[in-house]
């Protein structure tokens, strides 16, 4: 099992600390780690990399992702409905 070292992060801008504390107080984040995780996951660099990886994916990658999904029981086939048809006179 890998050991994980703790990391200390210093915030030098009081307004940033105040904003994080405010968001935690109103329930936006449970803790500072949640705030950092959201910031990192939504950063433009991450989004660009995700798009690039998606473009380079293969059918095998898609199948593996679907099989690893915790929601495998969800039906992905679209429901089929007959469209109403009206008589047309010419």
PDB file of N, CA and C in Angstrom:
ATOM      1  N   UNK A   1       0.837  -1.176   0.000  1.00  0.00           N
ATOM      2  CA  UNK A   1       0.000   0.000   0.000  1.00  0.00           C
ATOM      3  C   UNK A   1       0.883   1.241   0.000  1.00  0.00           C
ATOM      4  N   UNK A   2       0.521   2.207  -0.859  1.00  0.00           N
ATOM      5  CA  UNK A   2       1.297   3.435  -0.961  1.00  0.00           C
ATOM      6  C   UNK A   2       1.038   4.343   0.225  1.00  0.00           C
ATOM      7  N   UNK A   3       2.090   4.997   0.687  1.00  0.00           N
ATOM      8  CA  UNK A   3       1.875   5.995   1.729  1.00  0.00           C
ATOM      9  C   UNK A   3       1.685   7.345   1.056  1.00  0.00           C
ATOM     10  N   UNK A   4       0.791   8.126   1.607  1.00  0.00           N
ATOM     11  CA  UNK A   4       0.496   9.432   1.046  1.00  0.00           C
ATOM     12  C   UNK A   4       1.008  10.495   1.999  1.00  0.00           C
ATOM     13  N   UNK A   5       1.839  11.393   1.498  1.00  0.00           N
ATOM     14  CA  UNK A   5       2.378  12.465   2.320  1.00  0.00           C
ATOM     15  C   UNK A   5       1.366  13.598   2.392  1.00  0.00           C
ATOM     16  N   UNK A   6       1.263  14.228   3.538  1.00  0.00           N
ATOM     17  CA  UNK A   6       0.373  15.363   3.690  1.00  0.00           C
ATOM     18  C   UNK A   6       0.968  16.574   2.988  1.00  0.00           C
ATOM     19  N   UNK A   7       0.102  17.464   2.526  1.00  0.00           N
ATOM     20  CA  UNK A   7       0.549  18.653   1.833  1.00  0.00           C
ATOM     21  C   UNK A   7      -0.017  19.871   2.559  1.00  0.00           C
ATOM     22  N   UNK A   8       0.809  20.861   2.726  1.00  0.00           N
ATOM     23  CA  UNK A   8       0.359  22.107   3.322  1.00  0.00           C
ATOM     24  C   UNK A   8       0.299  23.161   2.228  1.00  0.00           C
ATOM     25  N   UNK A   9      -0.839  23.835   2.131  1.00  0.00           N
ATOM     26  CA  UNK A   9      -1.011  24.879   1.130  1.00  0.00           C
ATOM     27  C   UNK A   9      -1.256  26.188   1.869  1.00  0.00           C
ATOM     28  N   UNK A  10      -0.488  27.191   1.524  1.00  0.00           N
ATOM     29  CA  UNK A  10      -0.643  28.501   2.145  1.00  0.00           C
ATOM     30  C   UNK A  10      -1.426  29.408   1.207  1.00  0.00           C
ATOM     31  N   UNK A  11      -2.414  30.090   1.762  1.00  0.00           N
ATOM     32  CA  UNK A  11      -3.191  31.057   0.994  1.00  0.00           C
ATOM     33  C   UNK A  11      -2.699  32.436   1.403  1.00  0.00           C
ATOM     34  N   UNK A  12      -2.192  33.190   0.438  1.00  0.00           N
ATOM     35  CA  UNK A  12      -1.603  34.496   0.730  1.00  0.00           C
ATOM     36  C   UNK A  12      -2.571  35.654   0.488  1.00  0.00           C
ATOM     37  N   UNK A  13      -3.720  35.367  -0.107  1.00  0.00           N
ATOM     38  CA  UNK A  13      -4.703  36.421  -0.361  1.00  0.00           C
ATOM     39  C   UNK A  13      -5.857  36.264   0.618  1.00  0.00           C
ATOM     40  N   UNK A  14      -6.027  37.210   1.528  1.00  0.00           N
ATOM     41  CA  UNK A  14      -7.113  37.109   2.512  1.00  0.00           C
ATOM     42  C   UNK A  14      -8.489  37.029   1.862  1.00  0.00           C
ATOM     43  N   UNK A  15      -8.658  37.687   0.709  1.00  0.00           N
ATOM     44  CA  UNK A  15      -9.959  37.643   0.043  1.00  0.00           C
ATOM     45  C   UNK A  15     -10.272  36.240  -0.478  1.00  0.00           C
ATOM     46  N   UNK A  16      -9.255  35.487  -0.868  1.00  0.00           N
ATOM     47  CA  UNK A  16      -9.464  34.113  -1.312  1.00  0.00           C
ATOM     48  C   UNK A  16      -9.864  33.229  -0.139  1.00  0.00           C
ATOM     49  N   UNK A  17      -9.169  33.387   0.973  1.00  0.00           N
ATOM     50  CA  UNK A  17      -9.526  32.621   2.164  1.00  0.00           C
ATOM     51  C   UNK A  17     -10.948  32.952   2.594  1.00  0.00           C
ATOM     52  N   UNK A  18     -11.306  34.223   2.571  1.00  0.00           N
ATOM     53  CA  UNK A  18     -12.660  34.635   2.969  1.00  0.00           C
ATOM     54  C   UNK A  18     -13.709  34.026   2.040  1.00  0.00           C
ATOM     55  N   UNK A  19     -13.417  34.000   0.751  1.00  0.00           N
ATOM     56  CA  UNK A  19     -14.355  33.430  -0.219  1.00  0.00           C
ATOM     57  C   UNK A  19     -14.541  31.932   0.017  1.00  0.00           C
ATOM     58  N   UNK A  20     -13.454  31.226   0.247  1.00  0.00           N
ATOM     59  CA  UNK A  20     -13.548  29.779   0.517  1.00  0.00           C
ATOM     60  C   UNK A  20     -14.339  29.532   1.790  1.00  0.00           C
ATOM     61  N   UNK A  21     -14.042  30.279   2.840  1.00  0.00           N
ATOM     62  CA  UNK A  21     -14.774  30.114   4.099  1.00  0.00           C
ATOM     63  C   UNK A  21     -16.264  30.427   3.921  1.00  0.00           C
ATOM     64  N   UNK A  22     -16.580  31.470   3.147  1.00  0.00           N
ATOM     65  CA  UNK A  22     -17.980  31.820   2.901  1.00  0.00           C
ATOM     66  C   UNK A  22     -18.696  30.690   2.168  1.00  0.00           C
ATOM     67  N   UNK A  23     -18.059  30.144   1.125  1.00  0.00           N
ATOM     68  CA  UNK A  23     -18.685  29.050   0.359  1.00  0.00           C
ATOM     69  C   UNK A  23     -18.850  27.801   1.221  1.00  0.00           C
ATOM     70  N   UNK A  24     -17.908  27.547   2.102  1.00  0.00           N
ATOM     71  CA  UNK A  24     -18.030  26.397   3.002  1.00  0.00           C
ATOM     72  C   UNK A  24     -19.188  26.622   3.983  1.00  0.00           C
ATOM     73  N   UNK A  25     -19.341  27.847   4.447  1.00  0.00           N
ATOM     74  CA  UNK A  25     -20.388  28.172   5.425  1.00  0.00           C
ATOM     75  C   UNK A  25     -21.783  27.972   4.836  1.00  0.00           C
ATOM     76  N   UNK A  26     -21.963  28.320   3.558  1.00  0.00           N
ATOM     77  CA  UNK A  26     -23.280  28.172   2.939  1.00  0.00           C
ATOM     78  C   UNK A  26     -23.482  26.806   2.290  1.00  0.00           C
ATOM     79  N   UNK A  27     -22.496  25.916   2.464  1.00  0.00           N
ATOM     80  CA  UNK A  27     -22.651  24.546   1.974  1.00  0.00           C
ATOM     81  C   UNK A  27     -22.143  24.297   0.571  1.00  0.00           C
ATOM     82  N   UNK A  28     -21.457  25.270  -0.015  1.00  0.00           N
ATOM     83  CA  UNK A  28     -20.921  25.071  -1.358  1.00  0.00           C
ATOM     84  C   UNK A  28     -19.848  24.003  -1.395  1.00  0.00           C
ATOM     85  N   UNK A  29     -19.069  23.932  -0.338  1.00  0.00           N
ATOM     86  CA  UNK A  29     -18.020  22.932  -0.203  1.00  0.00           C
ATOM     87  C   UNK A  29     -18.045  22.413   1.220  1.00  0.00           C
ATOM     88  N   UNK A  30     -17.678  21.147   1.396  1.00  0.00           N
ATOM     89  CA  UNK A  30     -17.586  20.584   2.744  1.00  0.00           C
ATOM     90  C   UNK A  30     -16.279  20.977   3.407  1.00  0.00           C
ATOM     91  N   UNK A  31     -15.236  21.101   2.589  1.00  0.00           N
ATOM     92  CA  UNK A  31     -13.929  21.439   3.124  1.00  0.00           C
ATOM     93  C   UNK A  31     -13.079  22.049   2.011  1.00  0.00           C
ATOM     94  N   UNK A  32     -11.878  22.455   2.346  1.00  0.00           N
ATOM     95  CA  UNK A  32     -10.994  23.095   1.382  1.00  0.00           C
ATOM     96  C   UNK A  32     -10.648  22.137   0.247  1.00  0.00           C
ATOM     97  N   UNK A  33     -10.512  20.865   0.551  1.00  0.00           N
ATOM     98  CA  UNK A  33     -10.193  19.885  -0.487  1.00  0.00           C
ATOM     99  C   UNK A  33     -11.275  19.851  -1.559  1.00  0.00           C
ATOM    100  N   UNK A  34     -12.553  19.965  -1.149  1.00  0.00           N
ATOM    101  CA  UNK A  34     -13.640  19.993  -2.129  1.00  0.00           C
ATOM    102  C   UNK A  34     -13.502  21.201  -3.053  1.00  0.00           C
ATOM    103  N   UNK A  35     -13.167  22.356  -2.480  1.00  0.00           N
ATOM    104  CA  UNK A  35     -12.994  23.572  -3.283  1.00  0.00           C
ATOM    105  C   UNK A  35     -11.858  23.388  -4.292  1.00  0.00           C
ATOM    106  N   UNK A  36     -10.749  22.840  -3.829  1.00  0.00           N
ATOM    107  CA  UNK A  36      -9.618  22.606  -4.730  1.00  0.00           C
ATOM    108  C   UNK A  36      -9.966  21.594  -5.812  1.00  0.00           C
ATOM    109  N   UNK A  37     -10.667  20.529  -5.430  1.00  0.00           N
ATOM    110  CA  UNK A  37     -11.037  19.497  -6.405  1.00  0.00           C
ATOM    111  C   UNK A  37     -11.915  20.084  -7.499  1.00  0.00           C
ATOM    112  N   UNK A  38     -12.908  20.877  -7.112  1.00  0.00           N
ATOM    113  CA  UNK A  38     -13.791  21.476  -8.111  1.00  0.00           C
ATOM    114  C   UNK A  38     -13.012  22.424  -9.016  1.00  0.00           C
ATOM    115  N   UNK A  39     -12.141  23.216  -8.429  1.00  0.00           N
ATOM    116  CA  UNK A  39     -11.345  24.155  -9.227  1.00  0.00           C
ATOM    117  C   UNK A  39     -10.465  23.412 -10.229  1.00  0.00           C
ATOM    118  N   UNK A  40      -9.839  22.337  -9.792  1.00  0.00           N
ATOM    119  CA  UNK A  40      -8.947  21.595 -10.681  1.00  0.00           C
ATOM    120  C   UNK A  40      -9.717  20.842 -11.761  1.00  0.00           C
ATOM    121  N   UNK A  41     -10.863  20.280 -11.398  1.00  0.00           N
ATOM    122  CA  UNK A  41     -11.636  19.515 -12.373  1.00  0.00           C
ATOM    123  C   UNK A  41     -12.253  20.399 -13.445  1.00  0.00           C
ATOM    124  N   UNK A  42     -12.521  21.652 -13.130  1.00  0.00           N
ATOM    125  CA  UNK A  42     -13.158  22.539 -14.096  1.00  0.00           C
ATOM    126  C   UNK A  42     -12.193  23.513 -14.743  1.00  0.00           C
ATOM    127  N   UNK A  43     -10.909  23.374 -14.477  1.00  0.00           N
ATOM    128  CA  UNK A  43      -9.928  24.288 -15.066  1.00  0.00           C
ATOM    129  C   UNK A  43      -9.834  24.045 -16.567  1.00  0.00           C
ATOM    130  N   UNK A  44      -9.548  25.093 -17.342  1.00  0.00           N
ATOM    131  CA  UNK A  44      -9.468  24.948 -18.802  1.00  0.00           C
ATOM    132  C   UNK A  44      -8.451  23.904 -19.243  1.00  0.00           C
ATOM    133  N   UNK A  45      -7.343  23.770 -18.548  1.00  0.00           N
ATOM    134  CA  UNK A  45      -6.334  22.778 -18.927  1.00  0.00           C
ATOM    135  C   UNK A  45      -6.921  21.375 -18.826  1.00  0.00           C
ATOM    136  N   UNK A  46      -7.638  21.102 -17.731  1.00  0.00           N
ATOM    137  CA  UNK A  46      -8.247  19.791 -17.551  1.00  0.00           C
ATOM    138  C   UNK A  46      -9.304  19.542 -18.615  1.00  0.00           C
ATOM    139  N   UNK A  47     -10.144  20.532 -18.876  1.00  0.00           N
ATOM    140  CA  UNK A  47     -11.190  20.367 -19.876  1.00  0.00           C
ATOM    141  C   UNK A  47     -10.599  20.106 -21.256  1.00  0.00           C
ATOM    142  N   UNK A  48      -9.552  20.833 -21.614  1.00  0.00           N
ATOM    143  CA  UNK A  48      -8.916  20.630 -22.911  1.00  0.00           C
ATOM    144  C   UNK A  48      -8.330  19.229 -23.014  1.00  0.00           C
ATOM    145  N   UNK A  49      -7.719  18.761 -21.936  1.00  0.00           N
ATOM    146  CA  UNK A  49      -7.136  17.422 -21.943  1.00  0.00           C
ATOM    147  C   UNK A  49      -8.233  16.364 -22.071  1.00  0.00           C
ATOM    148  N   UNK A  50      -9.365  16.560 -21.373  1.00  0.00           N
ATOM    149  CA  UNK A  50     -10.461  15.606 -21.456  1.00  0.00           C
ATOM    150  C   UNK A  50     -11.008  15.536 -22.874  1.00  0.00           C
ATOM    151  N   UNK A  51     -11.132  16.674 -23.538  1.00  0.00           N
ATOM    152  CA  UNK A  51     -11.619  16.696 -24.919  1.00  0.00           C
ATOM    153  C   UNK A  51     -10.641  15.977 -25.819  1.00  0.00           C
ATOM    154  N   UNK A  52      -9.349  16.233 -25.639  1.00  0.00           N
ATOM    155  CA  UNK A  52      -8.328  15.578 -26.449  1.00  0.00           C
ATOM    156  C   UNK A  52      -8.360  14.072 -26.234  1.00  0.00           C
ATOM    157  N   UNK A  53      -8.466  13.647 -24.973  1.00  0.00           N
ATOM    158  CA  UNK A  53      -8.517  12.212 -24.689  1.00  0.00           C
ATOM    159  C   UNK A  53      -9.770  11.585 -25.282  1.00  0.00           C
ATOM    160  N   UNK A  54     -10.876  12.303 -25.239  1.00  0.00           N
ATOM    161  CA  UNK A  54     -12.118  11.775 -25.792  1.00  0.00           C
ATOM    162  C   UNK A  54     -11.994  11.597 -27.305  1.00  0.00           C
ATOM    163  N   UNK A  55     -11.330  12.524 -27.976  1.00  0.00           N
ATOM    164  CA  UNK A  55     -11.156  12.421 -29.420  1.00  0.00           C
ATOM    165  C   UNK A  55     -10.254  11.259 -29.789  1.00  0.00           C
ATOM    166  N   UNK A  56      -9.303  10.943 -28.927  1.00  0.00           N
ATOM    167  CA  UNK A  56      -8.363   9.870 -29.208  1.00  0.00           C
ATOM    168  C   UNK A  56      -8.851   8.514 -28.708  1.00  0.00           C
ATOM    169  N   UNK A  57     -10.030   8.465 -28.103  1.00  0.00           N
ATOM    170  CA  UNK A  57     -10.554   7.218 -27.560  1.00  0.00           C
ATOM    171  C   UNK A  57     -10.928   6.234 -28.654  1.00  0.00           C
ATOM    172  N   UNK A  58     -11.044   4.986 -28.264  1.00  0.00           N
ATOM    173  CA  UNK A  58     -11.423   3.939 -29.211  1.00  0.00           C
ATOM    174  C   UNK A  58     -12.731   3.310 -28.758  1.00  0.00           C
ATOM    175  N   UNK A  59     -13.282   2.485 -29.588  1.00  0.00           N
ATOM    176  CA  UNK A  59     -14.493   1.763 -29.212  1.00  0.00           C
ATOM    177  C   UNK A  59     -14.254   0.884 -27.997  1.00  0.00           C
ATOM    178  N   UNK A  60     -13.060   0.315 -27.905  1.00  0.00           N
ATOM    179  CA  UNK A  60     -12.726  -0.527 -26.749  1.00  0.00           C
ATOM    180  C   UNK A  60     -12.724   0.302 -25.473  1.00  0.00           C
ATOM    181  N   UNK A  61     -12.249   1.569 -25.560  1.00  0.00           N
ATOM    182  CA  UNK A  61     -12.274   2.456 -24.392  1.00  0.00           C
ATOM    183  C   UNK A  61     -13.709   2.724 -23.956  1.00  0.00           C
ATOM    184  N   UNK A  62     -14.595   2.940 -24.927  1.00  0.00           N
ATOM    185  CA  UNK A  62     -15.999   3.188 -24.615  1.00  0.00           C
ATOM    186  C   UNK A  62     -16.633   1.976 -23.947  1.00  0.00           C
ATOM    187  N   UNK A  63     -16.385   0.803 -24.477  1.00  0.00           N
ATOM    188  CA  UNK A  63     -16.946  -0.425 -23.889  1.00  0.00           C
ATOM    189  C   UNK A  63     -16.417  -0.628 -22.478  1.00  0.00           C
ATOM    190  N   UNK A  64     -15.123  -0.417 -22.274  1.00  0.00           N
ATOM    191  CA  UNK A  64     -14.539  -0.562 -20.936  1.00  0.00           C
ATOM    192  C   UNK A  64     -15.153   0.427 -19.962  1.00  0.00           C
ATOM    193  N   UNK A  65     -15.363   1.666 -20.405  1.00  0.00           N
ATOM    194  CA  UNK A  65     -15.961   2.675 -19.531  1.00  0.00           C
ATOM    195  C   UNK A  65     -17.396   2.307 -19.174  1.00  0.00           C
ATOM    196  N   UNK A  66     -18.143   1.808 -20.142  1.00  0.00           N
ATOM    197  CA  UNK A  66     -19.534   1.431 -19.878  1.00  0.00           C
ATOM    198  C   UNK A  66     -19.601   0.227 -18.949  1.00  0.00           C
ATOM    199  N   UNK A  67     -18.694  -0.723 -19.106  1.00  0.00           N
ATOM    200  CA  UNK A  67     -18.692  -1.893 -18.232  1.00  0.00           C
ATOM    201  C   UNK A  67     -18.249  -1.547 -16.824  1.00  0.00           C
ATOM    202  N   UNK A  68     -17.441  -0.512 -16.671  1.00  0.00           N
ATOM    203  CA  UNK A  68     -16.973  -0.103 -15.350  1.00  0.00           C
ATOM    204  C   UNK A  68     -17.970   0.817 -14.651  1.00  0.00           C
ATOM    205  N   UNK A  69     -18.995   1.234 -15.360  1.00  0.00           N
ATOM    206  CA  UNK A  69     -19.968   2.171 -14.797  1.00  0.00           C
ATOM    207  C   UNK A  69     -20.740   1.546 -13.633  1.00  0.00           C
ATOM    208  N   UNK A  70     -20.960   2.325 -12.567  1.00  0.00           N
ATOM    209  CA  UNK A  70     -21.790   1.818 -11.470  1.00  0.00           C
ATOM    210  C   UNK A  70     -23.274   1.813 -11.844  1.00  0.00           C
ATOM    211  N   UNK A  71     -23.615   2.360 -13.010  1.00  0.00           N
ATOM    212  CA  UNK A  71     -25.012   2.450 -13.438  1.00  0.00           C
ATOM    213  C   UNK A  71     -25.285   1.557 -14.637  1.00  0.00           C
ATOM    214  N   UNK A  72     -24.768   0.358 -14.601  1.00  0.00           N
ATOM    215  CA  UNK A  72     -24.907  -0.546 -15.742  1.00  0.00           C
ATOM    216  C   UNK A  72     -26.351  -0.948 -15.995  1.00  0.00           C
ATOM    217  N   UNK A  73     -27.204  -0.869 -14.970  1.00  0.00           N
ATOM    218  CA  UNK A  73     -28.593  -1.308 -15.140  1.00  0.00           C
ATOM    219  C   UNK A  73     -29.451  -0.286 -15.881  1.00  0.00           C
ATOM    220  N   UNK A  74     -28.936   0.914 -16.117  1.00  0.00           N
ATOM    221  CA  UNK A  74     -29.713   1.940 -16.808  1.00  0.00           C
ATOM    222  C   UNK A  74     -29.807   1.581 -18.288  1.00  0.00           C
ATOM    223  N   UNK A  75     -31.015   1.630 -18.799  1.00  0.00           N
ATOM    224  CA  UNK A  75     -31.261   1.322 -20.198  1.00  0.00           C
ATOM    225  C   UNK A  75     -30.826   2.507 -21.057  1.00  0.00           C
ATOM    226  N   UNK A  76     -30.001   2.252 -22.063  1.00  0.00           N
ATOM    227  CA  UNK A  76     -29.537   3.357 -22.896  1.00  0.00           C
ATOM    228  C   UNK A  76     -30.193   3.364 -24.269  1.00  0.00           C
ATOM    229  N   UNK A  77     -31.031   2.387 -24.545  1.00  0.00           N
ATOM    230  CA  UNK A  77     -31.760   2.382 -25.804  1.00  0.00           C
ATOM    231  C   UNK A  77     -32.869   3.419 -25.725  1.00  0.00           C
ATOM    232  N   UNK A  78     -33.008   4.256 -26.750  1.00  0.00           N
ATOM    233  CA  UNK A  78     -34.084   5.243 -26.709  1.00  0.00           C
ATOM    234  C   UNK A  78     -35.439   4.561 -26.846  1.00  0.00           C
ATOM    235  N   UNK A  79     -36.425   5.119 -26.186  1.00  0.00           N
ATOM    236  CA  UNK A  79     -37.779   4.576 -26.302  1.00  0.00           C
ATOM    237  C   UNK A  79     -38.285   4.858 -27.716  1.00  0.00           C
ATOM    238  N   UNK A  80     -39.033   3.939 -28.266  1.00  0.00           N
ATOM    239  CA  UNK A  80     -39.572   4.102 -29.615  1.00  0.00           C
ATOM    240  C   UNK A  80     -41.061   4.404 -29.508  1.00  0.00           C
ATOM    241  N   UNK A  81     -41.476   5.485 -30.099  1.00  0.00           N
ATOM    242  CA  UNK A  81     -42.884   5.869 -30.106  1.00  0.00           C
ATOM    243  C   UNK A  81     -43.307   6.117 -31.539  1.00  0.00           C
ATOM    244  N   UNK A  82     -44.502   5.682 -31.864  1.00  0.00           N
ATOM    245  CA  UNK A  82     -45.048   5.974 -33.190  1.00  0.00           C
ATOM    246  C   UNK A  82     -45.556   7.405 -33.184  1.00  0.00           C
ATOM    247  N   UNK A  83     -45.174   8.135 -34.164  1.00  0.00           N
ATOM    248  CA  UNK A  83     -45.640   9.509 -34.284  1.00  0.00           C
ATOM    249  C   UNK A  83     -47.083   9.503 -34.772  1.00  0.00           C
ATOM    250  N   UNK A  84     -47.882  10.427 -34.276  1.00  0.00           N
ATOM    251  CA  UNK A  84     -49.262  10.488 -34.762  1.00  0.00           C
ATOM    252  C   UNK A  84     -49.295  10.873 -36.247  1.00  0.00           C
ATOM    253  N   UNK A  85     -50.173  10.224 -36.986  1.00  0.00           N
ATOM    254  CA  UNK A  85     -50.271  10.469 -38.423  1.00  0.00           C
ATOM    255  C   UNK A  85     -51.651  11.039 -38.723  1.00  0.00           C
ATOM    256  N   UNK A  86     -51.681  12.109 -39.479  1.00  0.00           N
ATOM    257  CA  UNK A  86     -52.963  12.706 -39.864  1.00  0.00           C
ATOM    258  C   UNK A  86     -53.223  12.423 -41.344  1.00  0.00           C
ATOM    259  N   UNK A  87     -54.493  12.296 -41.652  1.00  0.00           N
ATOM    260  CA  UNK A  87     -54.853  12.122 -43.057  1.00  0.00           C
ATOM    261  C   UNK A  87     -54.595  13.427 -43.790  1.00  0.00           C
ATOM    262  N   UNK A  88     -54.108  13.313 -45.010  1.00  0.00           N
ATOM    263  CA  UNK A  88     -53.818  14.481 -45.837  1.00  0.00           C
ATOM    264  C   UNK A  88     -54.660  14.401 -47.095  1.00  0.00           C
ATOM    265  N   UNK A  89     -55.308  15.478 -47.422  1.00  0.00           N
ATOM    266  CA  UNK A  89     -56.082  15.549 -48.659  1.00  0.00           C
ATOM    267  C   UNK A  89     -55.383  16.480 -49.627  1.00  0.00           C
ATOM    268  N   UNK A  90     -55.320  16.051 -50.912  1.00  0.00           N
ATOM    269  CA  UNK A  90     -54.697  16.893 -51.940  1.00  0.00           C
ATOM    270  C   UNK A  90     -55.719  17.438 -52.862  1.00  0.00           C
TER     271      UNK A  90
END
